[in-house]
């Protein structure tokens, strides 16, 4: 048994099944698909970053978010997803146990690890927290809810989401740092 199967069997699936048995309800069945859409392709966070570019006071925030989102795209979606090639938990349940999980959203057409929704959300929330806690705290709460939605909807394993939170925070700090250094170099050359 490989490490991903071991984690699925002994950690991930018990958590996902607990969520399904104890938390699934009509209200959340309606809310979670709507919330998860905010993380689709990072569009909400990208749009927010673009809006910030037009507000001089928030321009560095927008650039930091954009840099972090780009790093996440390159490292996670383009590199890690195909490299790790982890099947989705609902596919694992069907393949290993013959159990069909009732999905509330469309079946996903890429691999499970890492969670792009979670990474993008935590990248953006991290940059916002660094610069503006009034914007950062709601962004962090939204990022947590989006991350949870991926578990609720049974489209990611908990280890996907936990790793993605860590990577998202790291890429948020890295993207912000790169933009700050870029501005510092620009100011130095200008002087």
N, C-alpha and C. Protein backbone atom coordinates (compact mmCIF):
# COMPACT_ATOMS: atom_id res chain seq x y z
N UNK A 1 0.86 -1.18 0.00
CA UNK A 1 0.00 0.00 0.00
C UNK A 1 0.90 1.24 0.00
N UNK A 2 0.68 2.15 -0.96
CA UNK A 2 1.48 3.37 -1.02
C UNK A 2 1.02 4.36 0.05
N UNK A 3 1.79 5.42 0.23
CA UNK A 3 1.53 6.38 1.31
C UNK A 3 0.17 7.08 1.12
N UNK A 4 -0.19 7.41 -0.12
CA UNK A 4 -1.47 8.09 -0.34
C UNK A 4 -2.65 7.18 -0.02
N UNK A 5 -2.55 5.91 -0.38
CA UNK A 5 -3.61 4.96 -0.04
C UNK A 5 -3.69 4.76 1.47
N UNK A 6 -2.52 4.68 2.10
CA UNK A 6 -2.49 4.53 3.56
C UNK A 6 -3.18 5.72 4.24
N UNK A 7 -2.82 6.92 3.80
CA UNK A 7 -3.45 8.13 4.37
C UNK A 7 -4.95 8.14 4.10
N UNK A 8 -5.34 7.76 2.89
CA UNK A 8 -6.76 7.73 2.56
C UNK A 8 -7.50 6.78 3.51
N UNK A 9 -6.97 5.60 3.68
CA UNK A 9 -7.64 4.57 4.48
C UNK A 9 -7.67 4.90 5.98
N UNK A 10 -6.56 5.42 6.49
CA UNK A 10 -6.42 5.57 7.94
C UNK A 10 -6.66 6.96 8.48
N UNK A 11 -6.72 7.95 7.62
CA UNK A 11 -6.91 9.32 8.09
C UNK A 11 -8.01 10.04 7.31
N UNK A 12 -7.86 10.11 6.00
CA UNK A 12 -8.74 10.95 5.18
C UNK A 12 -10.18 10.46 5.11
N UNK A 13 -10.37 9.23 4.68
CA UNK A 13 -11.74 8.74 4.49
C UNK A 13 -12.54 8.68 5.79
N UNK A 14 -11.94 8.30 6.92
CA UNK A 14 -12.73 8.37 8.16
C UNK A 14 -13.25 9.78 8.45
N UNK A 15 -12.46 10.80 8.16
CA UNK A 15 -12.90 12.18 8.38
C UNK A 15 -14.00 12.55 7.39
N UNK A 16 -13.78 12.25 6.12
CA UNK A 16 -14.80 12.57 5.11
C UNK A 16 -16.11 11.85 5.40
N UNK A 17 -16.02 10.60 5.79
CA UNK A 17 -17.23 9.85 6.10
C UNK A 17 -17.93 10.37 7.36
N UNK A 18 -17.15 10.84 8.33
CA UNK A 18 -17.74 11.45 9.52
C UNK A 18 -18.51 12.72 9.14
N UNK A 19 -17.89 13.54 8.30
CA UNK A 19 -18.57 14.75 7.82
C UNK A 19 -19.88 14.38 7.12
N UNK A 20 -19.80 13.38 6.24
CA UNK A 20 -20.99 12.96 5.50
C UNK A 20 -22.09 12.45 6.44
N UNK A 21 -21.71 11.70 7.45
CA UNK A 21 -22.70 11.10 8.36
C UNK A 21 -23.27 12.11 9.35
N UNK A 22 -22.47 13.08 9.76
CA UNK A 22 -22.90 13.96 10.85
C UNK A 22 -23.23 15.40 10.45
N UNK A 23 -22.71 15.85 9.33
CA UNK A 23 -22.89 17.26 8.98
C UNK A 23 -23.73 17.50 7.73
N UNK A 24 -23.83 16.50 6.86
CA UNK A 24 -24.62 16.71 5.66
C UNK A 24 -26.06 17.02 6.04
N UNK A 25 -26.58 18.12 5.49
CA UNK A 25 -27.95 18.53 5.75
C UNK A 25 -28.42 19.41 4.59
N UNK A 26 -29.72 19.59 4.43
CA UNK A 26 -30.22 20.38 3.29
C UNK A 26 -29.64 21.80 3.22
N UNK A 27 -29.50 22.46 4.37
CA UNK A 27 -28.97 23.83 4.36
C UNK A 27 -27.54 23.85 3.81
N UNK A 28 -26.66 23.00 4.35
CA UNK A 28 -25.27 22.97 3.89
C UNK A 28 -25.16 22.40 2.48
N UNK A 29 -26.08 21.50 2.13
CA UNK A 29 -26.09 20.97 0.76
C UNK A 29 -26.36 22.08 -0.25
N UNK A 30 -27.04 23.13 0.17
CA UNK A 30 -27.30 24.29 -0.69
C UNK A 30 -26.16 25.29 -0.62
N UNK A 31 -25.66 25.55 0.60
CA UNK A 31 -24.62 26.57 0.80
C UNK A 31 -23.25 26.17 0.26
N UNK A 32 -22.83 24.95 0.52
CA UNK A 32 -21.46 24.55 0.18
C UNK A 32 -21.15 24.61 -1.32
N UNK A 33 -22.06 24.16 -2.19
CA UNK A 33 -21.76 24.32 -3.62
C UNK A 33 -21.64 25.80 -4.03
N UNK A 34 -22.44 26.66 -3.42
CA UNK A 34 -22.37 28.09 -3.73
C UNK A 34 -21.07 28.70 -3.22
N UNK A 35 -20.63 28.28 -2.05
CA UNK A 35 -19.39 28.81 -1.47
C UNK A 35 -18.18 28.32 -2.24
N UNK A 36 -18.17 27.05 -2.61
CA UNK A 36 -17.00 26.50 -3.29
C UNK A 36 -16.75 27.17 -4.63
N UNK A 37 -17.81 27.69 -5.26
CA UNK A 37 -17.67 28.38 -6.54
C UNK A 37 -16.73 29.58 -6.42
N UNK A 38 -16.69 30.19 -5.24
CA UNK A 38 -15.81 31.35 -5.04
C UNK A 38 -14.33 30.99 -5.22
N UNK A 39 -14.01 29.71 -5.09
CA UNK A 39 -12.64 29.27 -5.28
C UNK A 39 -12.35 28.73 -6.67
N UNK A 40 -13.39 28.60 -7.51
CA UNK A 40 -13.19 28.04 -8.85
C UNK A 40 -12.15 28.83 -9.63
N UNK A 41 -11.07 28.14 -10.01
CA UNK A 41 -9.98 28.73 -10.79
C UNK A 41 -9.41 30.01 -10.14
N UNK A 42 -9.68 30.22 -8.87
CA UNK A 42 -9.18 31.40 -8.18
C UNK A 42 -9.80 32.70 -8.68
N UNK A 43 -10.88 32.61 -9.46
CA UNK A 43 -11.45 33.78 -10.14
C UNK A 43 -11.83 34.89 -9.16
N UNK A 44 -12.48 34.54 -8.05
CA UNK A 44 -12.87 35.56 -7.07
C UNK A 44 -11.64 36.31 -6.57
N UNK A 45 -10.60 35.56 -6.23
CA UNK A 45 -9.38 36.17 -5.68
C UNK A 45 -8.62 36.95 -6.75
N UNK A 46 -8.61 36.44 -7.97
CA UNK A 46 -7.97 37.16 -9.08
C UNK A 46 -8.70 38.48 -9.32
N UNK A 47 -10.03 38.43 -9.36
CA UNK A 47 -10.82 39.65 -9.57
C UNK A 47 -10.56 40.67 -8.46
N UNK A 48 -10.49 40.19 -7.23
CA UNK A 48 -10.21 41.08 -6.10
C UNK A 48 -8.83 41.71 -6.24
N UNK A 49 -7.84 40.93 -6.64
CA UNK A 49 -6.48 41.45 -6.84
C UNK A 49 -6.48 42.52 -7.93
N UNK A 50 -7.21 42.28 -9.01
CA UNK A 50 -7.28 43.25 -10.12
C UNK A 50 -7.94 44.54 -9.64
N UNK A 51 -9.02 44.43 -8.88
CA UNK A 51 -9.68 45.62 -8.34
C UNK A 51 -8.68 46.43 -7.49
N UNK A 52 -7.90 45.73 -6.66
CA UNK A 52 -6.93 46.41 -5.80
C UNK A 52 -5.86 47.15 -6.61
N UNK A 53 -5.56 46.67 -7.81
CA UNK A 53 -4.55 47.34 -8.64
C UNK A 53 -4.97 48.75 -9.02
N UNK A 54 -6.28 49.00 -9.04
CA UNK A 54 -6.80 50.31 -9.42
C UNK A 54 -6.98 51.25 -8.22
N UNK A 55 -6.68 50.76 -7.04
CA UNK A 55 -6.79 51.58 -5.83
C UNK A 55 -5.36 51.81 -5.33
N UNK A 56 -4.83 53.03 -5.50
CA UNK A 56 -3.42 53.27 -5.16
C UNK A 56 -3.00 52.76 -3.79
N UNK A 57 -3.86 52.93 -2.80
CA UNK A 57 -3.54 52.51 -1.43
C UNK A 57 -3.43 50.98 -1.31
N UNK A 58 -4.09 50.25 -2.22
CA UNK A 58 -4.11 48.79 -2.16
C UNK A 58 -3.35 48.13 -3.31
N UNK A 59 -2.63 48.93 -4.09
CA UNK A 59 -1.94 48.39 -5.27
C UNK A 59 -0.93 47.30 -4.90
N UNK A 60 -0.15 47.52 -3.85
CA UNK A 60 0.83 46.50 -3.43
C UNK A 60 0.13 45.22 -2.99
N UNK A 61 -1.03 45.37 -2.37
CA UNK A 61 -1.80 44.19 -1.95
C UNK A 61 -2.22 43.40 -3.18
N UNK A 62 -2.75 44.10 -4.18
CA UNK A 62 -3.18 43.44 -5.42
C UNK A 62 -2.03 42.75 -6.12
N UNK A 63 -0.89 43.42 -6.17
CA UNK A 63 0.29 42.81 -6.80
C UNK A 63 0.77 41.60 -6.00
N UNK A 64 0.77 41.73 -4.67
CA UNK A 64 1.18 40.60 -3.82
C UNK A 64 0.26 39.41 -3.99
N UNK A 65 -1.04 39.68 -4.05
CA UNK A 65 -2.01 38.61 -4.27
C UNK A 65 -1.77 37.96 -5.64
N UNK A 66 -1.58 38.80 -6.65
CA UNK A 66 -1.34 38.28 -8.00
C UNK A 66 -0.08 37.42 -8.07
N UNK A 67 0.98 37.88 -7.43
CA UNK A 67 2.23 37.10 -7.42
C UNK A 67 2.03 35.76 -6.71
N UNK A 68 1.35 35.79 -5.58
CA UNK A 68 1.10 34.56 -4.82
C UNK A 68 0.24 33.60 -5.64
N UNK A 69 -0.80 34.11 -6.28
CA UNK A 69 -1.69 33.27 -7.08
C UNK A 69 -0.94 32.65 -8.26
N UNK A 70 -0.04 33.41 -8.85
CA UNK A 70 0.75 32.89 -9.97
C UNK A 70 1.70 31.78 -9.50
N UNK A 71 2.35 31.99 -8.36
CA UNK A 71 3.23 30.96 -7.80
C UNK A 71 2.43 29.68 -7.53
N UNK A 72 1.26 29.84 -6.91
CA UNK A 72 0.42 28.68 -6.62
C UNK A 72 0.00 27.94 -7.88
N UNK A 73 -0.35 28.68 -8.91
CA UNK A 73 -0.73 28.07 -10.18
C UNK A 73 0.41 27.23 -10.74
N UNK A 74 1.61 27.82 -10.78
CA UNK A 74 2.76 27.12 -11.36
C UNK A 74 3.18 25.90 -10.54
N UNK A 75 3.29 26.08 -9.22
CA UNK A 75 3.78 24.99 -8.37
C UNK A 75 2.72 23.91 -8.18
N UNK A 76 1.51 24.31 -7.90
CA UNK A 76 0.48 23.34 -7.51
C UNK A 76 -0.29 22.77 -8.70
N UNK A 77 -0.94 23.63 -9.45
CA UNK A 77 -1.81 23.13 -10.52
C UNK A 77 -1.02 22.57 -11.70
N UNK A 78 0.05 23.25 -12.06
CA UNK A 78 0.79 22.81 -13.25
C UNK A 78 1.82 21.73 -12.91
N UNK A 79 2.40 21.78 -11.71
CA UNK A 79 3.46 20.82 -11.36
C UNK A 79 2.98 19.69 -10.46
N UNK A 80 2.48 20.01 -9.26
CA UNK A 80 2.16 18.96 -8.28
C UNK A 80 0.97 18.08 -8.66
N UNK A 81 -0.12 18.69 -9.15
CA UNK A 81 -1.31 17.88 -9.47
C UNK A 81 -0.98 16.73 -10.43
N UNK A 82 -0.36 17.01 -11.59
CA UNK A 82 -0.06 15.88 -12.48
C UNK A 82 1.06 14.97 -11.96
N UNK A 83 1.98 15.53 -11.19
CA UNK A 83 3.10 14.74 -10.67
C UNK A 83 2.61 13.74 -9.62
N UNK A 84 1.79 14.18 -8.68
CA UNK A 84 1.27 13.31 -7.62
C UNK A 84 0.14 12.44 -8.16
N UNK A 85 -0.71 13.00 -9.00
CA UNK A 85 -1.80 12.27 -9.67
C UNK A 85 -2.69 11.50 -8.69
N UNK A 86 -3.11 12.15 -7.63
CA UNK A 86 -3.97 11.51 -6.63
C UNK A 86 -5.43 11.56 -7.10
N UNK A 87 -6.07 10.39 -7.13
CA UNK A 87 -7.47 10.37 -7.57
C UNK A 87 -8.36 11.00 -6.50
N UNK A 88 -9.49 11.49 -6.92
CA UNK A 88 -10.44 12.13 -6.02
C UNK A 88 -11.00 11.11 -5.03
N UNK A 89 -11.39 11.58 -3.84
CA UNK A 89 -11.91 10.63 -2.84
C UNK A 89 -13.16 9.88 -3.29
N UNK A 90 -14.04 10.54 -4.04
CA UNK A 90 -15.24 9.84 -4.50
C UNK A 90 -14.87 8.73 -5.50
N UNK A 91 -13.83 8.97 -6.31
CA UNK A 91 -13.35 7.92 -7.22
C UNK A 91 -12.69 6.78 -6.44
N UNK A 92 -11.96 7.13 -5.39
CA UNK A 92 -11.31 6.11 -4.55
C UNK A 92 -12.37 5.22 -3.91
N UNK A 93 -13.42 5.83 -3.39
CA UNK A 93 -14.50 5.06 -2.77
C UNK A 93 -15.16 4.11 -3.78
N UNK A 94 -15.36 4.59 -5.00
CA UNK A 94 -15.97 3.75 -6.04
C UNK A 94 -15.02 2.62 -6.45
N UNK A 95 -13.76 2.97 -6.62
CA UNK A 95 -12.76 2.00 -7.08
C UNK A 95 -12.44 0.94 -6.03
N UNK A 96 -12.26 1.36 -4.78
CA UNK A 96 -11.83 0.43 -3.74
C UNK A 96 -12.98 -0.28 -3.02
N UNK A 97 -14.14 0.38 -2.93
CA UNK A 97 -15.24 -0.15 -2.13
C UNK A 97 -16.54 -0.33 -2.91
N UNK A 98 -16.56 0.13 -4.15
CA UNK A 98 -17.78 0.04 -4.93
C UNK A 98 -18.88 0.95 -4.41
N UNK A 99 -18.51 1.98 -3.66
CA UNK A 99 -19.47 2.92 -3.08
C UNK A 99 -19.50 4.19 -3.94
N UNK A 100 -20.68 4.54 -4.41
CA UNK A 100 -20.85 5.76 -5.18
C UNK A 100 -21.25 6.89 -4.24
N UNK A 101 -20.44 7.91 -4.18
CA UNK A 101 -20.73 9.08 -3.35
C UNK A 101 -21.62 10.02 -4.16
N UNK A 102 -22.70 10.47 -3.56
CA UNK A 102 -23.60 11.42 -4.22
C UNK A 102 -22.95 12.81 -4.19
N UNK A 103 -22.55 13.26 -5.35
CA UNK A 103 -21.90 14.57 -5.44
C UNK A 103 -22.93 15.68 -5.59
N UNK A 104 -22.66 16.79 -4.94
CA UNK A 104 -23.53 17.96 -5.03
C UNK A 104 -23.06 18.95 -6.09
N UNK A 105 -21.86 18.70 -6.62
CA UNK A 105 -21.32 19.51 -7.71
C UNK A 105 -20.86 18.54 -8.80
N UNK A 106 -20.46 19.10 -9.94
CA UNK A 106 -19.96 18.26 -11.02
C UNK A 106 -18.72 17.51 -10.57
N UNK A 107 -18.53 16.30 -11.11
CA UNK A 107 -17.30 15.57 -10.86
C UNK A 107 -16.14 16.42 -11.38
N UNK A 108 -15.05 16.44 -10.65
CA UNK A 108 -13.88 17.23 -11.03
C UNK A 108 -13.06 16.45 -12.06
N UNK A 109 -12.45 17.16 -12.99
CA UNK A 109 -11.76 16.49 -14.09
C UNK A 109 -10.24 16.56 -13.98
N UNK A 110 -9.75 16.90 -12.80
CA UNK A 110 -8.31 16.89 -12.58
C UNK A 110 -8.02 16.07 -11.33
N UNK A 111 -6.78 16.05 -10.93
CA UNK A 111 -6.40 15.27 -9.76
C UNK A 111 -6.71 16.02 -8.47
N UNK A 112 -6.64 15.30 -7.37
CA UNK A 112 -7.08 15.81 -6.08
C UNK A 112 -6.03 16.63 -5.34
N UNK A 113 -4.77 16.23 -5.42
CA UNK A 113 -3.73 16.87 -4.60
C UNK A 113 -2.90 17.81 -5.45
N UNK A 114 -2.73 19.04 -4.97
CA UNK A 114 -3.33 19.72 -3.83
C UNK A 114 -4.66 20.37 -4.22
N UNK A 115 -5.30 21.02 -3.27
CA UNK A 115 -6.57 21.70 -3.52
C UNK A 115 -6.31 23.12 -4.02
N UNK A 116 -6.55 23.34 -5.30
CA UNK A 116 -6.34 24.67 -5.87
C UNK A 116 -7.24 25.72 -5.25
N UNK A 117 -8.49 25.35 -4.92
CA UNK A 117 -9.41 26.27 -4.26
C UNK A 117 -8.81 26.76 -2.93
N UNK A 118 -8.28 25.81 -2.17
CA UNK A 118 -7.74 26.13 -0.84
C UNK A 118 -6.47 26.95 -0.95
N UNK A 119 -5.58 26.55 -1.84
CA UNK A 119 -4.31 27.28 -1.99
C UNK A 119 -4.58 28.73 -2.40
N UNK A 120 -5.39 28.93 -3.43
CA UNK A 120 -5.67 30.29 -3.90
C UNK A 120 -6.30 31.13 -2.79
N UNK A 121 -7.21 30.53 -2.05
CA UNK A 121 -7.90 31.27 -0.99
C UNK A 121 -6.93 31.68 0.12
N UNK A 122 -6.04 30.79 0.51
CA UNK A 122 -5.10 31.12 1.58
C UNK A 122 -3.97 32.01 1.10
N UNK A 123 -3.60 31.92 -0.16
CA UNK A 123 -2.61 32.87 -0.70
C UNK A 123 -3.16 34.29 -0.58
N UNK A 124 -4.35 34.48 -1.09
CA UNK A 124 -4.96 35.82 -1.08
C UNK A 124 -5.22 36.31 0.34
N UNK A 125 -5.76 35.45 1.19
CA UNK A 125 -6.06 35.84 2.57
C UNK A 125 -4.78 36.20 3.33
N UNK A 126 -3.71 35.48 3.07
CA UNK A 126 -2.43 35.76 3.74
C UNK A 126 -1.92 37.13 3.38
N UNK A 127 -1.92 37.44 2.08
CA UNK A 127 -1.44 38.76 1.65
C UNK A 127 -2.32 39.85 2.26
N UNK A 128 -3.63 39.64 2.27
CA UNK A 128 -4.53 40.63 2.87
C UNK A 128 -4.26 40.79 4.37
N UNK A 129 -4.03 39.68 5.07
CA UNK A 129 -3.74 39.76 6.51
C UNK A 129 -2.47 40.55 6.79
N UNK A 130 -1.48 40.38 5.94
CA UNK A 130 -0.20 41.08 6.12
C UNK A 130 -0.42 42.60 6.03
N UNK A 131 -1.27 43.02 5.10
CA UNK A 131 -1.41 44.44 4.81
C UNK A 131 -2.58 45.13 5.51
N UNK A 132 -3.65 44.39 5.72
CA UNK A 132 -4.86 45.04 6.19
C UNK A 132 -5.73 44.01 6.91
N UNK A 133 -5.67 44.01 8.23
CA UNK A 133 -6.40 43.00 9.01
C UNK A 133 -7.92 43.14 8.85
N UNK A 134 -8.41 44.37 8.61
CA UNK A 134 -9.86 44.55 8.43
C UNK A 134 -10.35 43.80 7.19
N UNK A 135 -9.52 43.72 6.17
CA UNK A 135 -9.86 42.93 4.98
C UNK A 135 -9.38 41.49 5.14
N UNK A 136 -8.27 41.32 5.84
CA UNK A 136 -7.66 40.00 5.97
C UNK A 136 -8.47 39.02 6.79
N UNK A 137 -9.08 39.49 7.88
CA UNK A 137 -9.85 38.57 8.75
C UNK A 137 -11.06 38.00 8.01
N UNK A 138 -11.89 38.82 7.33
CA UNK A 138 -12.98 38.22 6.56
C UNK A 138 -12.47 37.30 5.44
N UNK A 139 -11.35 37.69 4.82
CA UNK A 139 -10.78 36.84 3.76
C UNK A 139 -10.33 35.50 4.33
N UNK A 140 -9.73 35.52 5.51
CA UNK A 140 -9.29 34.28 6.15
C UNK A 140 -10.48 33.40 6.51
N UNK A 141 -11.54 34.01 7.02
CA UNK A 141 -12.76 33.25 7.35
C UNK A 141 -13.34 32.63 6.07
N UNK A 142 -13.39 33.41 4.99
CA UNK A 142 -13.88 32.88 3.73
C UNK A 142 -12.98 31.75 3.22
N UNK A 143 -11.67 31.92 3.34
CA UNK A 143 -10.73 30.87 2.91
C UNK A 143 -10.98 29.57 3.68
N UNK A 144 -11.20 29.69 4.99
CA UNK A 144 -11.49 28.50 5.80
C UNK A 144 -12.79 27.82 5.36
N UNK A 145 -13.81 28.62 5.07
CA UNK A 145 -15.09 28.05 4.64
C UNK A 145 -14.96 27.39 3.27
N UNK A 146 -14.22 28.03 2.36
CA UNK A 146 -14.00 27.42 1.04
C UNK A 146 -13.24 26.10 1.20
N UNK A 147 -12.20 26.09 2.04
CA UNK A 147 -11.44 24.86 2.28
C UNK A 147 -12.35 23.77 2.84
N UNK A 148 -13.19 24.12 3.81
CA UNK A 148 -14.11 23.14 4.37
C UNK A 148 -15.11 22.64 3.32
N UNK A 149 -15.53 23.54 2.43
CA UNK A 149 -16.49 23.13 1.39
C UNK A 149 -15.93 22.01 0.53
N UNK A 150 -14.63 22.00 0.32
CA UNK A 150 -14.01 20.96 -0.51
C UNK A 150 -14.10 19.59 0.17
N UNK A 151 -14.06 19.61 1.51
CA UNK A 151 -14.24 18.36 2.26
C UNK A 151 -15.71 17.97 2.29
N UNK A 152 -16.55 18.93 2.58
CA UNK A 152 -17.99 18.67 2.66
C UNK A 152 -18.50 18.07 1.34
N UNK A 153 -18.00 18.59 0.24
CA UNK A 153 -18.44 18.14 -1.07
C UNK A 153 -17.77 16.84 -1.52
N UNK A 154 -16.86 16.33 -0.69
CA UNK A 154 -16.19 15.04 -0.92
C UNK A 154 -15.31 15.05 -2.17
N UNK A 155 -14.76 16.22 -2.51
CA UNK A 155 -13.92 16.31 -3.70
C UNK A 155 -12.43 16.39 -3.37
N UNK A 156 -12.10 16.55 -2.08
CA UNK A 156 -10.71 16.55 -1.64
C UNK A 156 -10.58 15.78 -0.34
N UNK A 157 -9.40 15.20 -0.17
CA UNK A 157 -9.07 14.55 1.10
C UNK A 157 -8.63 15.61 2.10
N UNK A 158 -8.80 15.36 3.40
CA UNK A 158 -8.30 16.31 4.40
C UNK A 158 -6.80 16.60 4.25
N UNK A 159 -6.00 15.59 3.89
CA UNK A 159 -4.56 15.85 3.72
C UNK A 159 -4.30 16.78 2.53
N UNK A 160 -5.14 16.73 1.51
CA UNK A 160 -5.03 17.69 0.40
C UNK A 160 -5.22 19.11 0.93
N UNK A 161 -6.27 19.26 1.72
CA UNK A 161 -6.66 20.59 2.21
C UNK A 161 -5.65 21.12 3.23
N UNK A 162 -5.23 20.27 4.15
CA UNK A 162 -4.24 20.70 5.17
C UNK A 162 -2.94 21.14 4.49
N UNK A 163 -2.46 20.33 3.57
CA UNK A 163 -1.22 20.69 2.84
C UNK A 163 -1.43 21.98 2.06
N UNK A 164 -2.60 22.13 1.47
CA UNK A 164 -2.88 23.32 0.66
C UNK A 164 -2.98 24.59 1.50
N UNK A 165 -3.48 24.47 2.72
CA UNK A 165 -3.49 25.63 3.63
C UNK A 165 -2.05 26.08 3.88
N UNK A 166 -1.19 25.12 4.20
CA UNK A 166 0.22 25.43 4.49
C UNK A 166 0.90 26.04 3.26
N UNK A 167 0.71 25.41 2.10
CA UNK A 167 1.31 25.95 0.87
C UNK A 167 0.74 27.33 0.54
N UNK A 168 -0.56 27.50 0.69
CA UNK A 168 -1.18 28.79 0.39
C UNK A 168 -0.63 29.91 1.26
N UNK A 169 -0.47 29.63 2.55
CA UNK A 169 0.11 30.64 3.46
C UNK A 169 1.55 30.94 3.04
N UNK A 170 2.31 29.89 2.75
CA UNK A 170 3.71 30.08 2.33
C UNK A 170 3.82 30.88 1.05
N UNK A 171 2.99 30.54 0.06
CA UNK A 171 3.02 31.27 -1.21
C UNK A 171 2.52 32.69 -1.04
N UNK A 172 1.60 32.90 -0.10
CA UNK A 172 1.14 34.26 0.19
C UNK A 172 2.28 35.13 0.71
N UNK A 173 3.04 34.56 1.67
CA UNK A 173 4.20 35.30 2.18
C UNK A 173 5.25 35.52 1.09
N UNK A 174 5.51 34.49 0.27
CA UNK A 174 6.50 34.60 -0.79
C UNK A 174 6.09 35.64 -1.83
N UNK A 175 4.84 35.57 -2.29
CA UNK A 175 4.37 36.55 -3.28
C UNK A 175 4.45 37.97 -2.75
N UNK A 176 4.05 38.15 -1.49
CA UNK A 176 4.12 39.47 -0.87
C UNK A 176 5.57 39.94 -0.77
N UNK A 177 6.45 39.04 -0.35
CA UNK A 177 7.88 39.38 -0.21
C UNK A 177 8.49 39.80 -1.55
N UNK A 178 8.18 39.06 -2.61
CA UNK A 178 8.71 39.39 -3.94
C UNK A 178 8.25 40.77 -4.38
N UNK A 179 6.99 41.09 -4.15
CA UNK A 179 6.47 42.40 -4.53
C UNK A 179 7.11 43.50 -3.69
N UNK A 180 7.26 43.28 -2.40
CA UNK A 180 7.89 44.27 -1.53
C UNK A 180 9.34 44.53 -1.96
N UNK A 181 10.06 43.45 -2.28
CA UNK A 181 11.45 43.61 -2.74
C UNK A 181 11.49 44.35 -4.08
N UNK A 182 10.54 44.03 -4.96
CA UNK A 182 10.47 44.72 -6.25
C UNK A 182 10.23 46.21 -6.08
N UNK A 183 9.31 46.57 -5.18
CA UNK A 183 9.05 47.98 -4.91
C UNK A 183 10.26 48.66 -4.27
N UNK A 184 10.94 47.96 -3.39
CA UNK A 184 12.12 48.52 -2.74
C UNK A 184 13.22 48.79 -3.77
N UNK A 185 13.42 47.86 -4.71
CA UNK A 185 14.42 48.06 -5.76
C UNK A 185 14.04 49.23 -6.66
N UNK A 186 12.74 49.31 -6.99
CA UNK A 186 12.25 50.40 -7.82
C UNK A 186 12.49 51.74 -7.13
N UNK A 187 12.16 51.83 -5.85
CA UNK A 187 12.35 53.08 -5.09
C UNK A 187 13.82 53.45 -5.00
N UNK A 188 14.69 52.44 -4.85
CA UNK A 188 16.13 52.66 -4.74
C UNK A 188 16.69 53.21 -6.05
N UNK A 189 16.25 52.63 -7.17
CA UNK A 189 16.71 53.09 -8.49
C UNK A 189 16.19 54.49 -8.78
N UNK A 190 14.98 54.77 -8.33
CA UNK A 190 14.36 56.08 -8.55
C UNK A 190 15.09 57.19 -7.78
N UNK A 191 15.63 56.82 -6.64
CA UNK A 191 16.25 57.83 -5.75
C UNK A 191 17.59 58.33 -6.25
